[in-house]
C-alpha atoms as a PDB file:
ATOM      1  CA  MET A   1     138.876 133.377  75.937  1.00  0.00           C
ATOM      2  CA  ASN A   2     138.911 129.584  76.328  1.00  0.00           C
ATOM      3  CA  VAL A   3     139.592 127.629  73.318  1.00  0.00           C
ATOM      4  CA  ARG A   4     138.403 124.151  73.647  1.00  0.00           C
ATOM      5  CA  ARG A   5     138.373 120.784  70.881  1.00  0.00           C
ATOM      6  CA  LEU A   6     136.614 117.731  71.603  1.00  0.00           C
ATOM      7  CA  ILE A   7     138.613 114.483  71.924  1.00  0.00           C
ATOM      8  CA  PRO A   8     136.629 111.659  70.393  1.00  0.00           C
ATOM      9  CA  THR A   9     136.390 108.307  72.582  1.00  0.00           C
ATOM     10  CA  ALA A  10     135.699 104.989  71.608  1.00  0.00           C
ATOM     11  CA  ALA A  11     132.157 105.020  72.833  1.00  0.00           C
ATOM     12  CA  LEU A  12     129.908 108.255  73.537  1.00  0.00           C
ATOM     13  CA  ALA A  13     126.411 106.348  73.513  1.00  0.00           C
ATOM     14  CA  GLY A  14     125.574 107.366  76.736  1.00  0.00           C
ATOM     15  CA  ALA A  15     127.509 107.399  80.294  1.00  0.00           C
ATOM     16  CA  VAL A  16     125.446 104.530  81.625  1.00  0.00           C
ATOM     17  CA  ALA A  17     125.871 102.463  78.824  1.00  0.00           C
ATOM     18  CA  LEU A  18     129.478 103.326  78.813  1.00  0.00           C
ATOM     19  CA  GLY A  19     130.215 102.583  82.276  1.00  0.00           C
ATOM     20  CA  ALA A  20     128.823  98.973  81.691  1.00  0.00           C
ATOM     21  CA  THR A  21     130.867  98.476  78.875  1.00  0.00           C
ATOM     22  CA  ALA A  22     134.109  99.886  79.965  1.00  0.00           C
ATOM     23  CA  LEU A  23     134.195  96.832  82.009  1.00  0.00           C
ATOM     24  CA  THR A  24     136.475  94.631  79.850  1.00  0.00           C
ATOM     25  CA  ALA A  25     134.887  91.433  77.775  1.00  0.00           C
ATOM     26  CA  CYS A  26     136.178  88.803  80.354  1.00  0.00           C
ATOM     27  CA  SER A  27     134.729  90.374  82.961  1.00  0.00           C
ATOM     28  CA  ALA A  28     131.018  88.835  82.291  1.00  0.00           C
ATOM     29  CA  THR A  29     130.618  87.285  85.575  1.00  0.00           C
ATOM     30  CA  SER A  30     130.074  88.971  88.852  1.00  0.00           C
ATOM     31  CA  ALA A  31     132.860  90.038  90.859  1.00  0.00           C
ATOM     32  CA  THR A  32     133.788  88.011  94.287  1.00  0.00           C
ATOM     33  CA  ALA A  33     133.143  89.958  97.108  1.00  0.00           C
ATOM     34  CA  GLY A  34     135.947  89.444  99.596  1.00  0.00           C
ATOM     35  CA  LYS A  35     135.383  87.845 103.062  1.00  0.00           C
ATOM     36  CA  ASP A  36     133.564  90.786 104.564  1.00  0.00           C
ATOM     37  CA  GLY A  37     131.227  90.269 101.819  1.00  0.00           C
ATOM     38  CA  LYS A  38     132.344  93.873 100.379  1.00  0.00           C
ATOM     39  CA  VAL A  39     133.536  94.440  96.728  1.00  0.00           C
ATOM     40  CA  GLY A  40     137.108  95.310  96.733  1.00  0.00           C
ATOM     41  CA  VAL A  41     137.052  98.943  94.942  1.00  0.00           C
ATOM     42  CA  THR A  42     140.874 100.066  93.537  1.00  0.00           C
ATOM     43  CA  ALA A  43     140.695 103.677  92.744  1.00  0.00           C
ATOM     44  CA  SER A  44     143.882 105.172  90.967  1.00  0.00           C
ATOM     45  CA  PHE A  45     143.143 108.976  92.970  1.00  0.00           C
ATOM     46  CA  TYR A  46     140.748 110.840  95.056  1.00  0.00           C
ATOM     47  CA  PRO A  47     138.368 112.112  92.585  1.00  0.00           C
ATOM     48  CA  LEU A  48     137.546 108.379  91.767  1.00  0.00           C
ATOM     49  CA  GLN A  49     137.625 106.912  95.085  1.00  0.00           C
ATOM     50  CA  PHE A  50     135.286 109.975  96.198  1.00  0.00           C
ATOM     51  CA  LEU A  51     132.919 108.400  93.560  1.00  0.00           C
ATOM     52  CA  ALA A  52     133.459 104.812  94.712  1.00  0.00           C
ATOM     53  CA  GLU A  53     132.706 105.593  98.197  1.00  0.00           C
ATOM     54  CA  GLN A  54     129.786 108.051  97.495  1.00  0.00           C
ATOM     55  CA  ILE A  55     128.065 105.311  94.890  1.00  0.00           C
ATOM     56  CA  GLY A  56     129.180 102.097  96.660  1.00  0.00           C
ATOM     57  CA  LYS A  57     128.884 103.002 100.519  1.00  0.00           C
ATOM     58  CA  ASP A  58     128.415 100.125 102.606  1.00  0.00           C
ATOM     59  CA  HIS A  59     128.775  97.662  99.696  1.00  0.00           C
ATOM     60  CA  VAL A  60     132.286  98.429  98.848  1.00  0.00           C
ATOM     61  CA  LYS A  61     135.742  98.653 100.534  1.00  0.00           C
ATOM     62  CA  VAL A  62     137.826 101.353  98.493  1.00  0.00           C
ATOM     63  CA  ASP A  63     141.313 101.562  98.666  1.00  0.00           C
ATOM     64  CA  SER A  64     143.278 104.681  96.386  1.00  0.00           C
ATOM     65  CA  LEU A  65     146.693 103.673  94.782  1.00  0.00           C
ATOM     66  CA  THR A  66     147.483 107.417  95.170  1.00  0.00           C
ATOM     67  CA  LYS A  67     147.891 108.625  99.006  1.00  0.00           C
ATOM     68  CA  PRO A  68     146.897 111.904 100.277  1.00  0.00           C
ATOM     69  CA  GLY A  69     149.697 114.616 100.240  1.00  0.00           C
ATOM     70  CA  VAL A  70     150.762 112.679  96.918  1.00  0.00           C
ATOM     71  CA  GLU A  71     150.877 114.552  93.866  1.00  0.00           C
ATOM     72  CA  PRO A  72     149.120 112.312  91.408  1.00  0.00           C
ATOM     73  CA  HIS A  73     150.950 113.085  88.529  1.00  0.00           C
ATOM     74  CA  ASP A  74     154.236 111.909  90.156  1.00  0.00           C
ATOM     75  CA  LEU A  75     152.776 108.435  91.189  1.00  0.00           C
ATOM     76  CA  GLU A  76     155.411 105.494  91.608  1.00  0.00           C
ATOM     77  CA  ILE A  77     154.101 101.991  91.577  1.00  0.00           C
ATOM     78  CA  THR A  78     155.859  98.900  92.959  1.00  0.00           C
ATOM     79  CA  PRO A  79     155.490  95.400  91.610  1.00  0.00           C
ATOM     80  CA  LYS A  80     153.992  94.462  94.522  1.00  0.00           C
ATOM     81  CA  GLN A  81     151.248  97.361  94.591  1.00  0.00           C
ATOM     82  CA  THR A  82     150.679  95.711  90.636  1.00  0.00           C
ATOM     83  CA  ALA A  83     150.355  92.405  91.976  1.00  0.00           C
ATOM     84  CA  LYS A  84     147.978  93.513  94.821  1.00  0.00           C
ATOM     85  CA  LEU A  85     146.020  95.437  92.026  1.00  0.00           C
ATOM     86  CA  GLY A  86     145.468  92.492  90.218  1.00  0.00           C
ATOM     87  CA  GLU A  87     143.346  91.183  93.356  1.00  0.00           C
ATOM     88  CA  ALA A  88     140.781  93.947  93.135  1.00  0.00           C
ATOM     89  CA  ASP A  89     137.348  93.370  91.708  1.00  0.00           C
ATOM     90  CA  VAL A  90     137.066  96.615  90.178  1.00  0.00           C
ATOM     91  CA  VAL A  91     139.707  99.060  88.946  1.00  0.00           C
ATOM     92  CA  LEU A  92     138.949 102.627  88.554  1.00  0.00           C
ATOM     93  CA  TYR A  93     141.154 105.036  86.317  1.00  0.00           C
ATOM     94  CA  LEU A  94     141.667 107.489  84.637  1.00  0.00           C
ATOM     95  CA  LYS A  95     143.954 106.910  81.454  1.00  0.00           C
ATOM     96  CA  THR A  96     146.726 108.856  80.673  1.00  0.00           C
ATOM     97  CA  LEU A  97     146.578 110.941  83.784  1.00  0.00           C
ATOM     98  CA  GLN A  98     149.055 108.833  85.674  1.00  0.00           C
ATOM     99  CA  PRO A  99     151.466 106.743  83.763  1.00  0.00           C
ATOM    100  CA  ALA A 100     152.640 104.508  86.247  1.00  0.00           C
ATOM    101  CA  VAL A 101     148.631 103.490  86.766  1.00  0.00           C
ATOM    102  CA  ASP A 102     148.383 102.782  83.001  1.00  0.00           C
ATOM    103  CA  LYS A 103     151.041 100.598  83.068  1.00  0.00           C
ATOM    104  CA  ALA A 104     150.301  98.799  86.304  1.00  0.00           C
ATOM    105  CA  VAL A 105     146.991  98.272  85.275  1.00  0.00           C
ATOM    106  CA  ALA A 106     148.054  96.467  81.754  1.00  0.00           C
ATOM    107  CA  GLN A 107     150.376  94.323  83.842  1.00  0.00           C
ATOM    108  CA  SER A 108     147.969  93.127  86.493  1.00  0.00           C
ATOM    109  CA  GLY A 109     145.659  90.979  84.642  1.00  0.00           C
ATOM    110  CA  VAL A 110     142.851  92.503  86.303  1.00  0.00           C
ATOM    111  CA  LYS A 111     139.377  91.635  84.813  1.00  0.00           C
ATOM    112  CA  ASN A 112     136.905  94.521  85.640  1.00  0.00           C
ATOM    113  CA  VAL A 113     138.463  97.417  84.824  1.00  0.00           C
ATOM    114  CA  VAL A 114     136.954 101.213  84.469  1.00  0.00           C
ATOM    115  CA  ASP A 115     138.754 104.010  82.255  1.00  0.00           C
ATOM    116  CA  ALA A 116     137.183 107.151  83.278  1.00  0.00           C
ATOM    117  CA  ALA A 117     138.237 108.576  80.424  1.00  0.00           C
ATOM    118  CA  THR A 118     135.818 106.712  78.347  1.00  0.00           C
ATOM    119  CA  LEU A 119     132.846 107.940  80.277  1.00  0.00           C
ATOM    120  CA  THR A 120     132.248 111.539  79.361  1.00  0.00           C
ATOM    121  CA  THR A 121     134.346 113.551  76.241  1.00  0.00           C
ATOM    122  CA  LEU A 122     137.742 115.126  76.730  1.00  0.00           C
ATOM    123  CA  GLU A 123     138.847 117.985  75.502  1.00  0.00           C
ATOM    124  CA  VAL A 124     141.793 120.030  74.281  1.00  0.00           C
ATOM    125  CA  HIS A 125     141.637 123.446  76.111  1.00  0.00           C
ATOM    126  CA  GLY A 126     143.471 126.590  74.435  1.00  0.00           C
ATOM    127  CA  SER A 127     145.968 124.724  71.916  1.00  0.00           C
ATOM    128  CA  GLU A 128     144.016 124.996  68.717  1.00  0.00           C
ATOM    129  CA  PRO A 129     146.745 126.906  66.503  1.00  0.00           C
ATOM    130  CA  GLY A 130     145.740 130.592  65.734  1.00  0.00           C
ATOM    131  CA  HIS A 131     143.406 131.198  68.457  1.00  0.00           C
ATOM    132  CA  ALA A 132     145.764 132.990  70.687  1.00  0.00           C
ATOM    133  CA  GLU A 133     145.087 136.958  70.293  1.00  0.00           C
ATOM    134  CA  GLU A 134     147.516 139.516  70.846  1.00  0.00           C
ATOM    135  CA  GLY A 135     149.139 139.416  74.120  1.00  0.00           C
ATOM    136  CA  GLU A 136     147.323 135.706  74.767  1.00  0.00           C
ATOM    137  CA  HIS A 137     149.454 132.864  75.728  1.00  0.00           C
ATOM    138  CA  HIS A 138     146.897 130.117  76.685  1.00  0.00           C
ATOM    139  CA  ASP A 139     147.697 126.917  78.860  1.00  0.00           C
ATOM    140  CA  GLY A 140     147.864 124.347  75.974  1.00  0.00           C
ATOM    141  CA  GLU A 141     150.366 127.030  74.510  1.00  0.00           C
ATOM    142  CA  GLU A 142     152.302 127.016  77.518  1.00  0.00           C
ATOM    143  CA  HIS A 143     152.493 123.039  77.357  1.00  0.00           C
ATOM    144  CA  ALA A 144     153.991 123.248  74.201  1.00  0.00           C
ATOM    145  CA  ALA A 145     156.394 125.559  75.478  1.00  0.00           C
ATOM    146  CA  GLU A 146     157.417 124.073  78.601  1.00  0.00           C
ATOM    147  CA  GLY A 147     157.915 120.613  76.675  1.00  0.00           C
ATOM    148  CA  HIS A 148     155.132 118.464  78.972  1.00  0.00           C
ATOM    149  CA  ASP A 149     152.782 116.791  77.947  1.00  0.00           C
ATOM    150  CA  HIS A 150     152.253 114.930  81.652  1.00  0.00           C
ATOM    151  CA  GLY A 151     149.972 111.880  79.871  1.00  0.00           C
ATOM    152  CA  HIS A 152     147.364 113.969  78.544  1.00  0.00           C
ATOM    153  CA  GLY A 153     146.641 111.620  75.780  1.00  0.00           C
ATOM    154  CA  GLU A 154     147.925 111.349  72.163  1.00  0.00           C
ATOM    155  CA  ALA A 155     145.762 114.407  71.196  1.00  0.00           C
ATOM    156  CA  GLY A 156     147.033 116.707  74.015  1.00  0.00           C
ATOM    157  CA  ALA A 157     143.655 115.941  75.925  1.00  0.00           C
ATOM    158  CA  ASP A 158     143.621 117.382  79.644  1.00  0.00           C
ATOM    159  CA  PRO A 159     142.579 114.945  81.958  1.00  0.00           C
ATOM    160  CA  HIS A 160     141.241 117.343  84.941  1.00  0.00           C
ATOM    161  CA  VAL A 161     137.217 116.447  84.142  1.00  0.00           C
ATOM    162  CA  TRP A 162     136.166 116.165  87.439  1.00  0.00           C
ATOM    163  CA  LEU A 163     136.781 119.937  87.799  1.00  0.00           C
ATOM    164  CA  ASP A 164     133.827 120.456  86.142  1.00  0.00           C
ATOM    165  CA  PRO A 165     130.521 118.745  88.190  1.00  0.00           C
ATOM    166  CA  THR A 166     128.724 118.161  85.138  1.00  0.00           C
ATOM    167  CA  LYS A 167     131.228 115.875  83.232  1.00  0.00           C
ATOM    168  CA  TYR A 168     132.104 114.491  86.745  1.00  0.00           C
ATOM    169  CA  ALA A 169     128.586 113.474  87.173  1.00  0.00           C
ATOM    170  CA  GLU A 170     128.966 111.577  84.039  1.00  0.00           C
ATOM    171  CA  ILE A 171     131.749 109.594  85.048  1.00  0.00           C
ATOM    172  CA  ALA A 172     129.309 109.437  88.143  1.00  0.00           C
ATOM    173  CA  LYS A 173     127.189 107.712  86.152  1.00  0.00           C
ATOM    174  CA  GLY A 174     129.388 105.533  84.381  1.00  0.00           C
ATOM    175  CA  VAL A 175     130.878 104.164  87.821  1.00  0.00           C
ATOM    176  CA  GLY A 176     128.011 103.625  89.280  1.00  0.00           C
ATOM    177  CA  ALA A 177     126.889 101.211  86.237  1.00  0.00           C
ATOM    178  CA  ALA A 178     129.946  99.365  86.572  1.00  0.00           C
ATOM    179  CA  LEU A 179     129.536  98.652  90.167  1.00  0.00           C
ATOM    180  CA  GLU A 180     125.919  97.342  89.423  1.00  0.00           C
ATOM    181  CA  LYS A 181     127.334  95.106  86.554  1.00  0.00           C
ATOM    182  CA  ALA A 182     129.895  93.705  88.897  1.00  0.00           C
ATOM    183  CA  ASP A 183     127.922  93.078  91.826  1.00  0.00           C
ATOM    184  CA  PRO A 184     124.093  92.887  90.515  1.00  0.00           C
ATOM    185  CA  ASP A 185     122.867  91.764  93.949  1.00  0.00           C
ATOM    186  CA  HIS A 186     122.778  95.279  95.180  1.00  0.00           C
ATOM    187  CA  ALA A 187     121.999  96.985  91.655  1.00  0.00           C
ATOM    188  CA  ALA A 188     119.234  99.152  93.028  1.00  0.00           C
ATOM    189  CA  ASP A 189     121.473 100.445  95.931  1.00  0.00           C
ATOM    190  CA  TYR A 190     123.951 101.562  93.287  1.00  0.00           C
ATOM    191  CA  ARG A 191     121.277 103.220  91.102  1.00  0.00           C
ATOM    192  CA  LYS A 192     119.810 105.065  94.101  1.00  0.00           C
ATOM    193  CA  ASN A 193     123.083 106.380  95.166  1.00  0.00           C
ATOM    194  CA  THR A 194     124.082 107.579  91.810  1.00  0.00           C
ATOM    195  CA  ASP A 195     121.050 109.661  91.484  1.00  0.00           C
ATOM    196  CA  GLU A 196     121.795 110.941  94.771  1.00  0.00           C
ATOM    197  CA  LEU A 197     125.231 111.649  94.097  1.00  0.00           C
ATOM    198  CA  VAL A 198     124.590 113.353  90.202  1.00  0.00           C
ATOM    199  CA  ALA A 199     121.385 115.409  91.894  1.00  0.00           C
ATOM    200  CA  LYS A 200     124.340 117.001  94.298  1.00  0.00           C
ATOM    201  CA  LEU A 201     126.349 117.717  91.513  1.00  0.00           C
ATOM    202  CA  ASN A 202     123.818 119.146  89.464  1.00  0.00           C
ATOM    203  CA  GLY A 203     123.251 121.417  92.323  1.00  0.00           C
ATOM    204  CA  LEU A 204     126.850 122.252  92.847  1.00  0.00           C
ATOM    205  CA  ASP A 205     126.952 123.383  88.938  1.00  0.00           C
ATOM    206  CA  GLY A 206     123.848 125.835  89.381  1.00  0.00           C
ATOM    207  CA  GLU A 207     125.932 127.098  92.557  1.00  0.00           C
ATOM    208  CA  PHE A 208     128.945 128.140  90.675  1.00  0.00           C
ATOM    209  CA  LYS A 209     126.608 129.381  87.564  1.00  0.00           C
ATOM    210  CA  ASP A 210     124.975 132.130  90.024  1.00  0.00           C
ATOM    211  CA  GLY A 211     128.269 132.543  91.871  1.00  0.00           C
ATOM    212  CA  LEU A 212     130.284 133.807  89.136  1.00  0.00           C
ATOM    213  CA  LYS A 213     127.304 135.151  86.575  1.00  0.00           C
ATOM    214  CA  ASN A 214     128.253 138.488  87.217  1.00  0.00           C
ATOM    215  CA  ALA A 215     131.978 139.062  88.189  1.00  0.00           C
ATOM    216  CA  ALA A 216     133.771 141.828  87.525  1.00  0.00           C
ATOM    217  CA  THR A 217     136.651 139.898  85.666  1.00  0.00           C
ATOM    218  CA  ARG A 218     136.765 136.519  84.160  1.00  0.00           C
ATOM    219  CA  THR A 219     140.654 136.096  84.133  1.00  0.00           C
ATOM    220  CA  PHE A 220     142.427 134.128  87.051  1.00  0.00           C
ATOM    221  CA  ILE A 221     145.852 133.121  86.826  1.00  0.00           C
ATOM    222  CA  THR A 222     146.774 130.099  88.395  1.00  0.00           C
ATOM    223  CA  THR A 223     149.982 127.963  88.845  1.00  0.00           C
ATOM    224  CA  HIS A 224     148.821 124.870  87.630  1.00  0.00           C
ATOM    225  CA  SER A 225     146.899 124.696  84.084  1.00  0.00           C
ATOM    226  CA  ALA A 226     144.170 122.103  85.534  1.00  0.00           C
ATOM    227  CA  PHE A 227     141.076 124.419  85.332  1.00  0.00           C
ATOM    228  CA  GLY A 228     140.393 124.413  81.898  1.00  0.00           C
ATOM    229  CA  TYR A 229     136.950 122.296  82.258  1.00  0.00           C
ATOM    230  CA  LEU A 230     136.089 124.995  84.783  1.00  0.00           C
ATOM    231  CA  ALA A 231     137.124 128.089  82.908  1.00  0.00           C
ATOM    232  CA  GLU A 232     135.450 126.395  80.344  1.00  0.00           C
ATOM    233  CA  ARG A 233     131.706 125.525  81.786  1.00  0.00           C
ATOM    234  CA  TYR A 234     131.774 128.810  83.206  1.00  0.00           C
ATOM    235  CA  ASP A 235     133.008 130.873  80.817  1.00  0.00           C
ATOM    236  CA  LEU A 236     136.488 132.065  82.479  1.00  0.00           C
ATOM    237  CA  ASP A 237     139.497 132.412  81.268  1.00  0.00           C
ATOM    238  CA  GLN A 238     142.403 130.491  82.804  1.00  0.00           C
ATOM    239  CA  GLU A 239     146.318 131.846  82.420  1.00  0.00           C
ATOM    240  CA  SER A 240     148.505 129.681  83.740  1.00  0.00           C
ATOM    241  CA  ILE A 241     151.708 130.165  85.021  1.00  0.00           C
ATOM    242  CA  SER A 242     153.747 126.830  84.574  1.00  0.00           C
ATOM    243  CA  GLY A 243     151.382 124.703  82.600  1.00  0.00           C
ATOM    244  CA  VAL A 244     150.476 121.185  83.258  1.00  0.00           C
ATOM    245  CA  ASP A 245     153.239 120.745  85.669  1.00  0.00           C
ATOM    246  CA  PRO A 246     152.903 122.180  88.701  1.00  0.00           C
ATOM    247  CA  GLU A 247     156.503 122.294  89.800  1.00  0.00           C
ATOM    248  CA  SER A 248     157.934 123.274  86.419  1.00  0.00           C
ATOM    249  CA  GLU A 249     159.924 126.745  86.457  1.00  0.00           C
ATOM    250  CA  PRO A 250     158.141 129.498  84.040  1.00  0.00           C
ATOM    251  CA  SER A 251     160.631 131.151  81.627  1.00  0.00           C
ATOM    252  CA  PRO A 252     161.007 135.130  82.511  1.00  0.00           C
ATOM    253  CA  ALA A 253     158.885 135.765  79.197  1.00  0.00           C
ATOM    254  CA  ARG A 254     156.022 133.915  80.598  1.00  0.00           C
ATOM    255  CA  MET A 255     156.246 136.031  83.732  1.00  0.00           C
ATOM    256  CA  LYS A 256     156.118 139.262  82.096  1.00  0.00           C
ATOM    257  CA  GLU A 257     153.525 137.962  79.806  1.00  0.00           C
ATOM    258  CA  LEU A 258     151.363 136.973  82.816  1.00  0.00           C
ATOM    259  CA  GLN A 259     152.365 140.320  84.692  1.00  0.00           C
ATOM    260  CA  ASP A 260     150.456 142.335  81.548  1.00  0.00           C
ATOM    261  CA  VAL A 261     147.507 140.135  81.646  1.00  0.00           C
ATOM    262  CA  ALA A 262     146.978 140.939  85.020  1.00  0.00           C
ATOM    263  CA  LYS A 263     147.115 144.718  84.361  1.00  0.00           C
ATOM    264  CA  LYS A 264     144.691 144.315  81.260  1.00  0.00           C
ATOM    265  CA  GLU A 265     142.005 142.164  83.005  1.00  0.00           C
ATOM    266  CA  ASN A 266     142.384 143.701  86.304  1.00  0.00           C
ATOM    267  CA  VAL A 267     143.180 140.532  88.539  1.00  0.00           C
ATOM    268  CA  SER A 268     143.604 140.452  91.630  1.00  0.00           C
ATOM    269  CA  THR A 269     144.786 137.255  92.728  1.00  0.00           C
ATOM    270  CA  VAL A 270     147.068 134.381  91.704  1.00  0.00           C
ATOM    271  CA  PHE A 271     146.206 131.059  92.791  1.00  0.00           C
ATOM    272  CA  PHE A 272     148.233 128.332  94.106  1.00  0.00           C
ATOM    273  CA  GLU A 273     147.430 124.604  94.730  1.00  0.00           C
ATOM    274  CA  THR A 274     147.874 122.551  98.372  1.00  0.00           C
ATOM    275  CA  LEU A 275     149.851 119.784  96.866  1.00  0.00           C
ATOM    276  CA  ALA A 276     152.482 121.648  95.037  1.00  0.00           C
ATOM    277  CA  SER A 277     155.326 124.673  95.995  1.00  0.00           C
ATOM    278  CA  ASP A 278     153.528 128.161  96.094  1.00  0.00           C
ATOM    279  CA  LYS A 279     157.018 129.965  94.988  1.00  0.00           C
ATOM    280  CA  THR A 280     156.094 131.097  91.383  1.00  0.00           C
ATOM    281  CA  ALA A 281     152.466 132.404  92.644  1.00  0.00           C
ATOM    282  CA  LYS A 282     154.282 134.169  95.131  1.00  0.00           C
ATOM    283  CA  VAL A 283     156.816 135.234  92.728  1.00  0.00           C
ATOM    284  CA  LEU A 284     154.450 136.685  90.429  1.00  0.00           C
ATOM    285  CA  ALA A 285     152.119 138.383  93.064  1.00  0.00           C
ATOM    286  CA  ALA A 286     155.452 140.327  94.684  1.00  0.00           C
ATOM    287  CA  ASP A 287     156.089 141.417  91.139  1.00  0.00           C
ATOM    288  CA  THR A 288     152.870 142.707  90.545  1.00  0.00           C
ATOM    289  CA  GLY A 289     151.404 143.783  93.816  1.00  0.00           C
ATOM    290  CA  LEU A 290     148.857 140.831  93.247  1.00  0.00           C
ATOM    291  CA  LYS A 291     147.437 138.643  96.157  1.00  0.00           C
ATOM    292  CA  THR A 292     147.738 134.585  96.704  1.00  0.00           C
ATOM    293  CA  ASP A 293     144.869 132.558  97.363  1.00  0.00           C
ATOM    294  CA  VAL A 294     144.257 128.589  96.985  1.00  0.00           C
ATOM    295  CA  LEU A 295     142.477 127.108  94.070  1.00  0.00           C
ATOM    296  CA  ASP A 296     142.543 123.386  94.398  1.00  0.00           C
ATOM    297  CA  PRO A 297     142.577 120.779  91.663  1.00  0.00           C
ATOM    298  CA  LEU A 298     141.504 117.974  94.007  1.00  0.00           C
ATOM    299  CA  GLU A 299     143.618 115.662  93.164  1.00  0.00           C
ATOM    300  CA  GLY A 300     143.973 114.425  96.901  1.00  0.00           C
ATOM    301  CA  ILE A 301     142.820 115.573 100.390  1.00  0.00           C
ATOM    302  CA  THR A 302     145.188 116.668 103.047  1.00  0.00           C
ATOM    303  CA  GLY A 303     145.021 118.138 106.497  1.00  0.00           C
ATOM    304  CA  THR A 304     146.213 121.521 104.694  1.00  0.00           C
ATOM    305  CA  SER A 305     142.563 120.778 102.363  1.00  0.00           C
ATOM    306  CA  GLN A 306     140.213 123.565 102.172  1.00  0.00           C
ATOM    307  CA  GLY A 307     137.316 121.181 103.234  1.00  0.00           C
ATOM    308  CA  ALA A 308     137.252 117.876 104.244  1.00  0.00           C
ATOM    309  CA  ASP A 309     135.583 116.168 100.781  1.00  0.00           C
ATOM    310  CA  TYR A 310     134.916 117.138  97.227  1.00  0.00           C
ATOM    311  CA  PHE A 311     131.757 119.320  97.475  1.00  0.00           C
ATOM    312  CA  GLU A 312     133.607 121.567 100.041  1.00  0.00           C
ATOM    313  CA  VAL A 313     136.657 121.809  98.328  1.00  0.00           C
ATOM    314  CA  MET A 314     134.529 123.096  95.820  1.00  0.00           C
ATOM    315  CA  ARG A 315     132.269 124.924  97.459  1.00  0.00           C
ATOM    316  CA  SER A 316     135.953 126.556  98.747  1.00  0.00           C
ATOM    317  CA  ASN A 317     136.872 127.007  95.276  1.00  0.00           C
ATOM    318  CA  LEU A 318     134.173 128.823  94.246  1.00  0.00           C
ATOM    319  CA  LYS A 319     134.228 131.283  97.763  1.00  0.00           C
ATOM    320  CA  ASN A 320     137.625 131.899  96.178  1.00  0.00           C
ATOM    321  CA  LEU A 321     137.003 132.392  92.695  1.00  0.00           C
ATOM    322  CA  GLN A 322     133.990 135.014  93.901  1.00  0.00           C
ATOM    323  CA  LYS A 323     136.330 137.147  95.960  1.00  0.00           C
ATOM    324  CA  ALA A 324     139.119 137.132  93.089  1.00  0.00           C
ATOM    325  CA  LEU A 325     137.180 137.869  90.346  1.00  0.00           C
ATOM    326  CA  GLY A 326     135.021 140.527  92.004  1.00  0.00           C
ATOM    327  CA  SER A 327     131.251 138.576  91.930  1.00  0.00           C
ATOM    328  CA  LYS A 328     128.453 140.254  93.065  1.00  0.00           C
END
């Protein structure tokens, strides 16, 4: 069973109101559009870039600090990039996910800053003491065992909220409200685009619910402990090899434990991801006679991604989960 604990945020009165108030107090005036008449938006990584592009469309020019193929957690930012960040009209980031970005945003002096972590409720998955039953080793405990907090916040909050379409929709509403405030002349367009995107995300949520409700097993094994929100939403049990750090080496005891879990829960597949090594997944699969497949945490899109955008990759994830879990 997945265990979750809600992490209070500074403001949770509603995603739309949050999106507006997430802009810092010194951003009362509208953002100044560039020479091309578009609002310059800098997003810290792909999921926020995608929201800005889908909601802003022709009214915005979106840049991402994390280039395709770069593992977001490992991002480093130069002083030149920090200085350029200060020229953005709006900055979208998710505090604690990328420590280098947190530091750069603080140093940049940019006025319109939106922290996506304030637009929804963050959770801790599987890390409360006393919830690990016999033979279980949940991802939160693995975090502690491996010694990585990887920027998950002072209370160990999981930042991978975009992998839950419902929480991603909450963030979308906040981003839409922020763009409305930054560029009120096009507020109606931002509102319309936000509503359309939220409707698509609600539809995706329905696809996952229907597609996974009759699974033969509800346990999946993955290299990177990024799928706690997805597992929580659809009543699945995530077991990770290496905790939050996809490159860390698991202990022999953990590998043995996962072998036992695979046998007990009739697991057929070990999932790996596109932006990190598949070495440990293949080792575990070889030791247990399991197959391997991709479960993409959608931290970036590359030529090897199973889709060209958020929706395509999420549907590929659903298809791979259905196959692995024996969904009917």
